[in-house]
Amino acid sequence: MWDEPFEVLLRKHLSLLEADDVLTAETSLRDFGLDSMGVVELLSSLERTYGVRFVDDALHIDNFATPEILWDTLRAMRTPAG
């Protein structure tokens, strides 16, 4: 599962997600309001918060489909290669 800062950032970019809605691993981020501009803003927030740079391969829209996929992508950016 993800950490609290990740969920807080996600919730800020999901305009259709109510405060009492549960954010599950399979929640469709697009269905809850994450559009292309939101993806850019979320990406910037994630990079600042976690001190990472998303590589070009990680910028595919499919990586922003659900919290679980996005968290796995972010975790891969945080893990040193090797």
C-alpha atoms as a PDB file:
ATOM      1  CA  MET A   1       0.000   0.000   0.000  1.00  0.00           C
ATOM      2  CA  TRP A   2       1.035   3.624  -0.378  1.00  0.00           C
ATOM      3  CA  ASP A   3       1.948   6.236   2.220  1.00  0.00           C
ATOM      4  CA  GLU A   4      -0.177   9.130   3.475  1.00  0.00           C
ATOM      5  CA  PRO A   5       1.509  11.929   1.446  1.00  0.00           C
ATOM      6  CA  PHE A   6       0.766   9.988  -1.744  1.00  0.00           C
ATOM      7  CA  GLU A   7      -2.930   9.699  -0.927  1.00  0.00           C
ATOM      8  CA  VAL A   8      -3.148  13.361   0.090  1.00  0.00           C
ATOM      9  CA  LEU A   9      -1.609  14.409  -3.244  1.00  0.00           C
ATOM     10  CA  LEU A  10      -3.928  12.136  -5.197  1.00  0.00           C
ATOM     11  CA  ARG A  11      -7.022  13.405  -3.432  1.00  0.00           C
ATOM     12  CA  LYS A  12      -6.075  17.019  -4.280  1.00  0.00           C
ATOM     13  CA  HIS A  13      -6.189  16.109  -7.982  1.00  0.00           C
ATOM     14  CA  LEU A  14      -9.384  14.039  -7.938  1.00  0.00           C
ATOM     15  CA  SER A  15     -12.127  16.639  -8.117  1.00  0.00           C
ATOM     16  CA  LEU A  16     -14.947  14.074  -8.184  1.00  0.00           C
ATOM     17  CA  LEU A  17     -13.750  12.119  -5.141  1.00  0.00           C
ATOM     18  CA  GLU A  18     -15.631  13.089  -1.988  1.00  0.00           C
ATOM     19  CA  ALA A  19     -13.764  13.421   1.315  1.00  0.00           C
ATOM     20  CA  ASP A  20     -15.471  10.326   2.708  1.00  0.00           C
ATOM     21  CA  ASP A  21     -14.938   8.204  -0.444  1.00  0.00           C
ATOM     22  CA  VAL A  22     -12.483   5.362   0.000  1.00  0.00           C
ATOM     23  CA  LEU A  23      -9.522   5.415  -2.343  1.00  0.00           C
ATOM     24  CA  THR A  24      -8.788   1.803  -3.284  1.00  0.00           C
ATOM     25  CA  ALA A  25      -5.951   0.309  -5.290  1.00  0.00           C
ATOM     26  CA  GLU A  26      -8.327  -0.138  -8.250  1.00  0.00           C
ATOM     27  CA  THR A  27     -10.006   3.280  -8.165  1.00  0.00           C
ATOM     28  CA  SER A  28     -10.057   4.734 -11.659  1.00  0.00           C
ATOM     29  CA  LEU A  29      -8.281   8.075 -11.359  1.00  0.00           C
ATOM     30  CA  ARG A  30      -9.810   9.268 -14.620  1.00  0.00           C
ATOM     31  CA  ASP A  31     -13.349   8.440 -13.424  1.00  0.00           C
ATOM     32  CA  PHE A  32     -12.771  10.651 -10.380  1.00  0.00           C
ATOM     33  CA  GLY A  33     -11.603  13.687 -12.319  1.00  0.00           C
ATOM     34  CA  LEU A  34      -7.919  13.243 -13.180  1.00  0.00           C
ATOM     35  CA  ASP A  35      -7.574  14.828 -16.609  1.00  0.00           C
ATOM     36  CA  SER A  36      -4.472  15.572 -18.689  1.00  0.00           C
ATOM     37  CA  MET A  37      -3.781  18.872 -16.908  1.00  0.00           C
ATOM     38  CA  GLY A  38      -4.260  17.128 -13.577  1.00  0.00           C
ATOM     39  CA  VAL A  39      -1.754  14.458 -14.580  1.00  0.00           C
ATOM     40  CA  VAL A  40       0.864  17.145 -15.258  1.00  0.00           C
ATOM     41  CA  GLU A  41       0.167  18.869 -11.945  1.00  0.00           C
ATOM     42  CA  LEU A  42       0.145  15.575 -10.031  1.00  0.00           C
ATOM     43  CA  LEU A  43       3.386  14.504 -11.681  1.00  0.00           C
ATOM     44  CA  SER A  44       5.046  17.759 -10.644  1.00  0.00           C
ATOM     45  CA  SER A  45       3.776  17.365  -7.064  1.00  0.00           C
ATOM     46  CA  LEU A  46       4.996  13.769  -6.868  1.00  0.00           C
ATOM     47  CA  GLU A  47       8.436  14.700  -8.173  1.00  0.00           C
ATOM     48  CA  ARG A  48       8.757  17.529  -5.634  1.00  0.00           C
ATOM     49  CA  THR A  49       7.420  15.542  -2.702  1.00  0.00           C
ATOM     50  CA  TYR A  50       9.455  12.399  -3.335  1.00  0.00           C
ATOM     51  CA  GLY A  51      12.569  13.966  -4.865  1.00  0.00           C
ATOM     52  CA  VAL A  52      12.394  11.916  -8.053  1.00  0.00           C
ATOM     53  CA  ARG A  53      12.251  12.476 -11.789  1.00  0.00           C
ATOM     54  CA  PHE A  54       9.869  10.351 -13.803  1.00  0.00           C
ATOM     55  CA  VAL A  55      11.760   8.917 -16.763  1.00  0.00           C
ATOM     56  CA  ASP A  56      10.182   9.146 -20.205  1.00  0.00           C
ATOM     57  CA  ASP A  57       9.030   5.512 -20.125  1.00  0.00           C
ATOM     58  CA  ALA A  58       7.093   6.192 -16.910  1.00  0.00           C
ATOM     59  CA  LEU A  59       5.144   9.101 -18.393  1.00  0.00           C
ATOM     60  CA  HIS A  60       2.667   6.862 -20.234  1.00  0.00           C
ATOM     61  CA  ILE A  61      -0.965   7.681 -19.401  1.00  0.00           C
ATOM     62  CA  ASP A  62      -1.568   4.054 -18.365  1.00  0.00           C
ATOM     63  CA  ASN A  63       0.725   4.643 -15.376  1.00  0.00           C
ATOM     64  CA  PHE A  64      -1.839   7.154 -14.094  1.00  0.00           C
ATOM     65  CA  ALA A  65      -4.840   4.788 -14.336  1.00  0.00           C
ATOM     66  CA  THR A  66      -5.164   3.695 -10.706  1.00  0.00           C
ATOM     67  CA  PRO A  67      -3.495   4.504  -7.397  1.00  0.00           C
ATOM     68  CA  GLU A  68      -1.832   1.086  -7.336  1.00  0.00           C
ATOM     69  CA  ILE A  69      -0.273   1.459 -10.784  1.00  0.00           C
ATOM     70  CA  LEU A  70       0.850   5.008 -10.055  1.00  0.00           C
ATOM     71  CA  TRP A  71       2.322   4.030  -6.662  1.00  0.00           C
ATOM     72  CA  ASP A  72       4.223   1.128  -8.287  1.00  0.00           C
ATOM     73  CA  THR A  73       5.550   3.519 -10.939  1.00  0.00           C
ATOM     74  CA  LEU A  74       6.592   6.039  -8.295  1.00  0.00           C
ATOM     75  CA  ARG A  75       8.222   3.314  -6.207  1.00  0.00           C
ATOM     76  CA  ALA A  76      10.221   2.219  -9.268  1.00  0.00           C
ATOM     77  CA  MET A  77      11.456   5.794  -9.710  1.00  0.00           C
ATOM     78  CA  ARG A  78      12.550   5.868  -6.057  1.00  0.00           C
ATOM     79  CA  THR A  79      14.420   2.540  -6.219  1.00  0.00           C
ATOM     80  CA  PRO A  80      18.004   2.809  -7.490  1.00  0.00           C
ATOM     81  CA  ALA A  81      18.754   0.617 -10.486  1.00  0.00           C
ATOM     82  CA  GLY A  82      21.077  -2.211  -9.845  1.00  0.00           C
END
